[in-house]
Structures are given as C-alpha cells and as structure tokens.
Amino acid sequence: MPMVELFHTPDPVLLSAVKAALAEADIPAVEFDGPINDMYGGLFPRRLMILDDDLAAARMIVHSLCPECLT
C-alpha cells in the first residue's frame, strides 16, 4: 500500500503533537527526514508519511490541530 506525505514542518513540537493525535486515532505514521533535519540544524523540514487510505481522516486531525499546516 503506498504512503503519501500528510504534511511537512521543521517544528518538532508540532510534529510530535500530530503524531500523538494520529496514534490515538490508530493511524500509523512514519517520520521522514529527521536525521537530515538534525544534521543541518533544522534547515530541512521533517515529513510525516501515512498510508494513502488514511489520508482523509489524517487531514481532518491535522486541520484540527493546525489549520494553516494544510494548504
């Protein structure tokens, strides 16, 4: 099953909050680009990837936490 990018951010606190909310809703998520972000001091955003089938539900969760994160 393909994975898609839910959103990206350089903010580790926001990313943690979204990951926790997704976990509470039983939506698995995988963080990409963490090591490169750490290596270059936050210049690269971290991407949160989810299964394509979970996209609609996950977008609603992200929108409730951070409406401006989804453009």
PDB file of N, CA and C in Angstrom:
ATOM      1  N   MET A   1       0.852  -1.174   0.000  1.00  0.00           N
ATOM      2  CA  MET A   1       0.000   0.000   0.000  1.00  0.00           C
ATOM      3  C   MET A   1       0.904   1.246   0.000  1.00  0.00           C
ATOM      4  N   PRO A   2       0.642   2.188  -0.881  1.00  0.00           N
ATOM      5  CA  PRO A   2       1.525   3.363  -0.989  1.00  0.00           C
ATOM      6  C   PRO A   2       1.360   4.326   0.189  1.00  0.00           C
ATOM      7  N   MET A   3       2.469   4.976   0.494  1.00  0.00           N
ATOM      8  CA  MET A   3       2.449   6.016   1.522  1.00  0.00           C
ATOM      9  C   MET A   3       2.468   7.370   0.831  1.00  0.00           C
ATOM     10  N   VAL A   4       1.836   8.345   1.474  1.00  0.00           N
ATOM     11  CA  VAL A   4       1.783   9.703   0.944  1.00  0.00           C
ATOM     12  C   VAL A   4       2.188  10.675   2.045  1.00  0.00           C
ATOM     13  N   GLU A   5       2.649  11.841   1.633  1.00  0.00           N
ATOM     14  CA  GLU A   5       3.014  12.866   2.603  1.00  0.00           C
ATOM     15  C   GLU A   5       1.751  13.543   3.126  1.00  0.00           C
ATOM     16  N   LEU A   6       1.607  13.534   4.435  1.00  0.00           N
ATOM     17  CA  LEU A   6       0.488  14.221   5.066  1.00  0.00           C
ATOM     18  C   LEU A   6       0.790  15.710   5.164  1.00  0.00           C
ATOM     19  N   PHE A   7       1.950  16.039   5.708  1.00  0.00           N
ATOM     20  CA  PHE A   7       2.416  17.424   5.761  1.00  0.00           C
ATOM     21  C   PHE A   7       3.884  17.413   6.139  1.00  0.00           C
ATOM     22  N   HIS A   8       4.528  18.568   6.075  1.00  0.00           N
ATOM     23  CA  HIS A   8       5.924  18.694   6.475  1.00  0.00           C
ATOM     24  C   HIS A   8       6.088  19.951   7.322  1.00  0.00           C
ATOM     25  N   THR A   9       7.047  19.878   8.234  1.00  0.00           N
ATOM     26  CA  THR A   9       7.296  21.006   9.128  1.00  0.00           C
ATOM     27  C   THR A   9       8.696  20.884   9.727  1.00  0.00           C
ATOM     28  N   PRO A  10       9.331  22.011  10.009  1.00  0.00           N
ATOM     29  CA  PRO A  10      10.587  21.967  10.747  1.00  0.00           C
ATOM     30  C   PRO A  10      10.346  21.982  12.265  1.00  0.00           C
ATOM     31  N   ASP A  11       9.092  22.117  12.687  1.00  0.00           N
ATOM     32  CA  ASP A  11       8.738  22.253  14.099  1.00  0.00           C
ATOM     33  C   ASP A  11       8.566  20.878  14.754  1.00  0.00           C
ATOM     34  N   PRO A  12       9.520  20.444  15.587  1.00  0.00           N
ATOM     35  CA  PRO A  12       9.418  19.110  16.195  1.00  0.00           C
ATOM     36  C   PRO A  12       8.262  18.994  17.203  1.00  0.00           C
ATOM     37  N   VAL A  13       7.870  20.087  17.813  1.00  0.00           N
ATOM     38  CA  VAL A  13       6.765  20.044  18.774  1.00  0.00           C
ATOM     39  C   VAL A  13       5.443  19.798  18.047  1.00  0.00           C
ATOM     40  N   LEU A  14       5.224  20.507  16.963  1.00  0.00           N
ATOM     41  CA  LEU A  14       4.018  20.299  16.169  1.00  0.00           C
ATOM     42  C   LEU A  14       3.987  18.880  15.612  1.00  0.00           C
ATOM     43  N   LEU A  15       5.106  18.412  15.117  1.00  0.00           N
ATOM     44  CA  LEU A  15       5.176  17.068  14.567  1.00  0.00           C
ATOM     45  C   LEU A  15       4.842  16.030  15.641  1.00  0.00           C
ATOM     46  N   SER A  16       5.351  16.213  16.825  1.00  0.00           N
ATOM     47  CA  SER A  16       5.068  15.294  17.928  1.00  0.00           C
ATOM     48  C   SER A  16       3.588  15.300  18.285  1.00  0.00           C
ATOM     49  N   ALA A  17       2.978  16.471  18.311  1.00  0.00           N
ATOM     50  CA  ALA A  17       1.547  16.568  18.639  1.00  0.00           C
ATOM     51  C   ALA A  17       0.698  15.867  17.587  1.00  0.00           C
ATOM     52  N   VAL A  18       1.039  16.046  16.325  1.00  0.00           N
ATOM     53  CA  VAL A  18       0.284  15.401  15.244  1.00  0.00           C
ATOM     54  C   VAL A  18       0.479  13.889  15.303  1.00  0.00           C
ATOM     55  N   LYS A  19       1.701  13.439  15.524  1.00  0.00           N
ATOM     56  CA  LYS A  19       1.948  12.001  15.619  1.00  0.00           C
ATOM     57  C   LYS A  19       1.156  11.383  16.766  1.00  0.00           C
ATOM     58  N   ALA A  20       1.077  12.071  17.904  1.00  0.00           N
ATOM     59  CA  ALA A  20       0.314  11.566  19.045  1.00  0.00           C
ATOM     60  C   ALA A  20      -1.179  11.499  18.730  1.00  0.00           C
ATOM     61  N   ALA A  21      -1.697  12.520  18.064  1.00  0.00           N
ATOM     62  CA  ALA A  21      -3.116  12.535  17.703  1.00  0.00           C
ATOM     63  C   ALA A  21      -3.432  11.438  16.691  1.00  0.00           C
ATOM     64  N   LEU A  22      -2.534  11.213  15.753  1.00  0.00           N
ATOM     65  CA  LEU A  22      -2.741  10.140  14.779  1.00  0.00           C
ATOM     66  C   LEU A  22      -2.691   8.776  15.458  1.00  0.00           C
ATOM     67  N   ALA A  23      -1.767   8.603  16.376  1.00  0.00           N
ATOM     68  CA  ALA A  23      -1.658   7.330  17.101  1.00  0.00           C
ATOM     69  C   ALA A  23      -2.932   7.067  17.907  1.00  0.00           C
ATOM     70  N   GLU A  24      -3.477   8.109  18.506  1.00  0.00           N
ATOM     71  CA  GLU A  24      -4.721   7.972  19.266  1.00  0.00           C
ATOM     72  C   GLU A  24      -5.873   7.529  18.359  1.00  0.00           C
ATOM     73  N   ALA A  25      -5.838   7.932  17.112  1.00  0.00           N
ATOM     74  CA  ALA A  25      -6.870   7.555  16.144  1.00  0.00           C
ATOM     75  C   ALA A  25      -6.511   6.254  15.413  1.00  0.00           C
ATOM     76  N   ASP A  26      -5.458   5.583  15.853  1.00  0.00           N
ATOM     77  CA  ASP A  26      -4.989   4.333  15.230  1.00  0.00           C
ATOM     78  C   ASP A  26      -4.617   4.508  13.758  1.00  0.00           C
ATOM     79  N   ILE A  27      -4.003   5.634  13.457  1.00  0.00           N
ATOM     80  CA  ILE A  27      -3.496   5.898  12.108  1.00  0.00           C
ATOM     81  C   ILE A  27      -1.968   5.841  12.182  1.00  0.00           C
ATOM     82  N   PRO A  28      -1.373   4.810  11.582  1.00  0.00           N
ATOM     83  CA  PRO A  28       0.092   4.723  11.628  1.00  0.00           C
ATOM     84  C   PRO A  28       0.738   5.825  10.791  1.00  0.00           C
ATOM     85  N   ALA A  29       1.817   6.361  11.304  1.00  0.00           N
ATOM     86  CA  ALA A  29       2.550   7.428  10.612  1.00  0.00           C
ATOM     87  C   ALA A  29       4.046   7.187  10.769  1.00  0.00           C
ATOM     88  N   VAL A  30       4.791   7.583   9.743  1.00  0.00           N
ATOM     89  CA  VAL A  30       6.243   7.438   9.748  1.00  0.00           C
ATOM     90  C   VAL A  30       6.853   8.801   9.441  1.00  0.00           C
ATOM     91  N   GLU A  31       7.828   9.178  10.266  1.00  0.00           N
ATOM     92  CA  GLU A  31       8.517  10.454  10.061  1.00  0.00           C
ATOM     93  C   GLU A  31       9.708  10.244   9.134  1.00  0.00           C
ATOM     94  N   PHE A  32       9.814  11.072   8.110  1.00  0.00           N
ATOM     95  CA  PHE A  32      10.941  11.038   7.185  1.00  0.00           C
ATOM     96  C   PHE A  32      11.783  12.304   7.391  1.00  0.00           C
ATOM     97  N   ASP A  33      13.038  12.207   7.087  1.00  0.00           N
ATOM     98  CA  ASP A  33      13.982  13.334   7.034  1.00  0.00           C
ATOM     99  C   ASP A  33      14.410  13.868   8.396  1.00  0.00           C
ATOM    100  N   GLY A  34      14.163  13.129   9.468  1.00  0.00           N
ATOM    101  CA  GLY A  34      14.610  13.564  10.786  1.00  0.00           C
ATOM    102  C   GLY A  34      16.120  13.718  10.889  1.00  0.00           C
ATOM    103  N   PRO A  35      16.897  12.711  10.471  1.00  0.00           N
ATOM    104  CA  PRO A  35      18.356  12.825  10.595  1.00  0.00           C
ATOM    105  C   PRO A  35      18.948  13.992   9.799  1.00  0.00           C
ATOM    106  N   ILE A  36      18.450  14.226   8.583  1.00  0.00           N
ATOM    107  CA  ILE A  36      18.992  15.336   7.787  1.00  0.00           C
ATOM    108  C   ILE A  36      18.619  16.673   8.428  1.00  0.00           C
ATOM    109  N   ASN A  37      17.423  16.734   9.006  1.00  0.00           N
ATOM    110  CA  ASN A  37      16.999  17.935   9.715  1.00  0.00           C
ATOM    111  C   ASN A  37      17.920  18.195  10.905  1.00  0.00           C
ATOM    112  N   ASP A  38      18.215  17.154  11.660  1.00  0.00           N
ATOM    113  CA  ASP A  38      19.092  17.297  12.824  1.00  0.00           C
ATOM    114  C   ASP A  38      20.509  17.682  12.414  1.00  0.00           C
ATOM    115  N   MET A  39      20.990  17.086  11.342  1.00  0.00           N
ATOM    116  CA  MET A  39      22.360  17.326  10.909  1.00  0.00           C
ATOM    117  C   MET A  39      22.569  18.775  10.462  1.00  0.00           C
ATOM    118  N   TYR A  40      21.560  19.358   9.844  1.00  0.00           N
ATOM    119  CA  TYR A  40      21.691  20.704   9.301  1.00  0.00           C
ATOM    120  C   TYR A  40      20.930  21.746  10.114  1.00  0.00           C
ATOM    121  N   GLY A  41      20.682  21.461  11.374  1.00  0.00           N
ATOM    122  CA  GLY A  41      20.133  22.452  12.280  1.00  0.00           C
ATOM    123  C   GLY A  41      18.738  22.942  11.943  1.00  0.00           C
ATOM    124  N   GLY A  42      17.889  22.064  11.424  1.00  0.00           N
ATOM    125  CA  GLY A  42      16.506  22.437  11.174  1.00  0.00           C
ATOM    126  C   GLY A  42      16.248  23.101   9.836  1.00  0.00           C
ATOM    127  N   LEU A  43      17.211  23.061   8.929  1.00  0.00           N
ATOM    128  CA  LEU A  43      17.016  23.689   7.616  1.00  0.00           C
ATOM    129  C   LEU A  43      16.056  22.909   6.728  1.00  0.00           C
ATOM    130  N   PHE A  44      15.969  21.616   6.960  1.00  0.00           N
ATOM    131  CA  PHE A  44      15.101  20.767   6.146  1.00  0.00           C
ATOM    132  C   PHE A  44      13.879  20.360   6.959  1.00  0.00           C
ATOM    133  N   PRO A  45      12.696  20.463   6.402  1.00  0.00           N
ATOM    134  CA  PRO A  45      11.504  20.053   7.146  1.00  0.00           C
ATOM    135  C   PRO A  45      11.423  18.536   7.266  1.00  0.00           C
ATOM    136  N   ARG A  46      10.798  18.102   8.328  1.00  0.00           N
ATOM    137  CA  ARG A  46      10.513  16.679   8.506  1.00  0.00           C
ATOM    138  C   ARG A  46       9.175  16.396   7.849  1.00  0.00           C
ATOM    139  N   ARG A  47       9.075  15.265   7.181  1.00  0.00           N
ATOM    140  CA  ARG A  47       7.828  14.887   6.511  1.00  0.00           C
ATOM    141  C   ARG A  47       7.143  13.797   7.316  1.00  0.00           C
ATOM    142  N   LEU A  48       5.837  13.877   7.406  1.00  0.00           N
ATOM    143  CA  LEU A  48       5.059  12.848   8.065  1.00  0.00           C
ATOM    144  C   LEU A  48       4.296  12.093   6.981  1.00  0.00           C
ATOM    145  N   MET A  49       4.582  10.808   6.883  1.00  0.00           N
ATOM    146  CA  MET A  49       4.015   9.965   5.841  1.00  0.00           C
ATOM    147  C   MET A  49       2.983   9.020   6.457  1.00  0.00           C
ATOM    148  N   ILE A  50       1.891   8.816   5.714  1.00  0.00           N
ATOM    149  CA  ILE A  50       0.835   7.907   6.159  1.00  0.00           C
ATOM    150  C   ILE A  50       0.385   7.058   4.971  1.00  0.00           C
ATOM    151  N   LEU A  51      -0.397   6.042   5.270  1.00  0.00           N
ATOM    152  CA  LEU A  51      -0.958   5.226   4.198  1.00  0.00           C
ATOM    153  C   LEU A  51      -2.000   6.030   3.443  1.00  0.00           C
ATOM    154  N   ASP A  52      -2.049   5.826   2.158  1.00  0.00           N
ATOM    155  CA  ASP A  52      -2.970   6.556   1.296  1.00  0.00           C
ATOM    156  C   ASP A  52      -4.424   6.413   1.757  1.00  0.00           C
ATOM    157  N   ASP A  53      -4.794   5.238   2.247  1.00  0.00           N
ATOM    158  CA  ASP A  53      -6.175   5.001   2.699  1.00  0.00           C
ATOM    159  C   ASP A  53      -6.551   5.841   3.920  1.00  0.00           C
ATOM    160  N   ASP A  54      -5.567   6.293   4.692  1.00  0.00           N
ATOM    161  CA  ASP A  54      -5.826   7.066   5.909  1.00  0.00           C
ATOM    162  C   ASP A  54      -5.783   8.571   5.679  1.00  0.00           C
ATOM    163  N   LEU A  55      -5.571   9.003   4.448  1.00  0.00           N
ATOM    164  CA  LEU A  55      -5.314  10.417   4.174  1.00  0.00           C
ATOM    165  C   LEU A  55      -6.461  11.334   4.613  1.00  0.00           C
ATOM    166  N   ALA A  56      -7.677  11.008   4.281  1.00  0.00           N
ATOM    167  CA  ALA A  56      -8.808  11.896   4.603  1.00  0.00           C
ATOM    168  C   ALA A  56      -8.953  12.076   6.114  1.00  0.00           C
ATOM    169  N   ALA A  57      -8.918  10.984   6.856  1.00  0.00           N
ATOM    170  CA  ALA A  57      -9.061  11.063   8.313  1.00  0.00           C
ATOM    171  C   ALA A  57      -7.876  11.804   8.933  1.00  0.00           C
ATOM    172  N   ALA A  58      -6.683  11.549   8.432  1.00  0.00           N
ATOM    173  CA  ALA A  58      -5.486  12.196   8.975  1.00  0.00           C
ATOM    174  C   ALA A  58      -5.498  13.696   8.693  1.00  0.00           C
ATOM    175  N   ARG A  59      -5.966  14.088   7.523  1.00  0.00           N
ATOM    176  CA  ARG A  59      -6.037  15.520   7.201  1.00  0.00           C
ATOM    177  C   ARG A  59      -7.000  16.241   8.140  1.00  0.00           C
ATOM    178  N   MET A  60      -8.078  15.597   8.512  1.00  0.00           N
ATOM    179  CA  MET A  60      -9.021  16.212   9.455  1.00  0.00           C
ATOM    180  C   MET A  60      -8.360  16.408  10.816  1.00  0.00           C
ATOM    181  N   ILE A  61      -7.565  15.457  11.243  1.00  0.00           N
ATOM    182  CA  ILE A  61      -6.864  15.568  12.530  1.00  0.00           C
ATOM    183  C   ILE A  61      -5.851  16.702  12.475  1.00  0.00           C
ATOM    184  N   VAL A  62      -5.060  16.762  11.411  1.00  0.00           N
ATOM    185  CA  VAL A  62      -4.063  17.834  11.284  1.00  0.00           C
ATOM    186  C   VAL A  62      -4.760  19.186  11.231  1.00  0.00           C
ATOM    187  N   HIS A  63      -5.836  19.265  10.492  1.00  0.00           N
ATOM    188  CA  HIS A  63      -6.562  20.535  10.378  1.00  0.00           C
ATOM    189  C   HIS A  63      -7.090  20.996  11.742  1.00  0.00           C
ATOM    190  N   SER A  64      -7.504  20.076  12.585  1.00  0.00           N
ATOM    191  CA  SER A  64      -7.999  20.457  13.909  1.00  0.00           C
ATOM    192  C   SER A  64      -6.886  20.979  14.808  1.00  0.00           C
ATOM    193  N   LEU A  65      -5.652  20.500  14.591  1.00  0.00           N
ATOM    194  CA  LEU A  65      -4.519  20.949  15.401  1.00  0.00           C
ATOM    195  C   LEU A  65      -3.816  22.168  14.813  1.00  0.00           C
ATOM    196  N   CYS A  66      -3.786  22.236  13.501  1.00  0.00           N
ATOM    197  CA  CYS A  66      -3.007  23.277  12.830  1.00  0.00           C
ATOM    198  C   CYS A  66      -3.619  23.563  11.460  1.00  0.00           C
ATOM    199  N   PRO A  67      -4.676  24.371  11.407  1.00  0.00           N
ATOM    200  CA  PRO A  67      -5.340  24.623  10.119  1.00  0.00           C
ATOM    201  C   PRO A  67      -4.411  25.169   9.036  1.00  0.00           C
ATOM    202  N   GLU A  68      -3.424  25.959   9.423  1.00  0.00           N
ATOM    203  CA  GLU A  68      -2.526  26.548   8.430  1.00  0.00           C
ATOM    204  C   GLU A  68      -1.478  25.552   7.916  1.00  0.00           C
ATOM    205  N   CYS A  69      -1.397  24.376   8.508  1.00  0.00           N
ATOM    206  CA  CYS A  69      -0.412  23.386   8.056  1.00  0.00           C
ATOM    207  C   CYS A  69      -0.796  22.732   6.739  1.00  0.00           C
ATOM    208  N   LEU A  70      -2.068  22.704   6.431  1.00  0.00           N
ATOM    209  CA  LEU A  70      -2.534  22.085   5.193  1.00  0.00           C
ATOM    210  C   LEU A  70      -2.944  23.185   4.231  1.00  0.00           C
ATOM    211  N   THR A  71      -2.220  23.279   3.140  1.00  0.00           N
ATOM    212  CA  THR A  71      -2.535  24.306   2.152  1.00  0.00           C
ATOM    213  C   THR A  71      -3.038  23.708   0.870  1.00  0.00           C
TER     214      THR A  71
END
